[in-house]
Amino acid sequence: MKNYINQFELDKLFPPHVQASMRLHTFKQGDVIFDQADEATTMLFLVKGKIKIYTSSSEGKTLLLTFKTPLSVIGDVEFVQQVPLINTVEAVSDVEMLGISYDVLRKEMRENVEFISFLLHVIAGKFYSRSMMSNTAQLYPVNVRLASYLVSHATAGSDLIPTGTLHDTANLIGTSYRHLNRVIQQFEEDGLVKRTKQGIKITGLNGLRERSDEASYEWEEA
């Protein structure tokens, strides 16, 4: 854990007694790390792996917001606003995260100018990236959004989209299951993916990168 603290320079942000309260959390691929609307109690720092963040409506529909890689912060907005978890966070690969409880942060860091400045920087960056994600969701056709989604999965070391998750995939990228299957069929004909009994296997990553154009579900938080 100390290596992660030093690697991402969290030792410059948190004093030693706060570092001592950090805990290392590990998650397997597919694990739900945070569930939308649950109580928020911990701020997490992604230090290894990739996660995806999505939101769900009361009707059960989901929409992909972004993929994140280290160093990303989860639970910052909820900490400031004192609200339940805004989105669902899921591990795309095996993941490791450093966690600090809100109780410790409120007690030890609420008057720390550097920490407050750090939070402002992170939250402002999320507003920027959310705007860019909105462009991806609204301005690009489904084939581009699917290509970008598959690229993000492949670069996390996951080159298979399980058959049982395709309905979720359709919801996440904002299309119908029928339309998704038409695009997958076209991708298969073009040699980009292959249908197997297990799911959709990515076979043409470079081609998918070309198809994804400038659309991306991964933006750096400015």
Foldseek 3Di string as FASTA:
>chain_A
DVVLCVVVVVCVVDPPVQVVQKDKDKDAAFDWPFAAQAQDWKKKFWRAFKKWKWAADPVGFIATQFMDHPGAIACLVCLVVVGGHHIIMGGLHITMIIIGTSVCCVVPPPPPPSVVVVSVLRVQLVVVSSVLSVCLLPVDDPLLLVLQVQLVSVVRVHQFDFPVCLCVVCRHSPHHSVVVVVSLVVCVVVQQWDQDNGGIGGGNNVVSVVSNPPRHRHDDRD
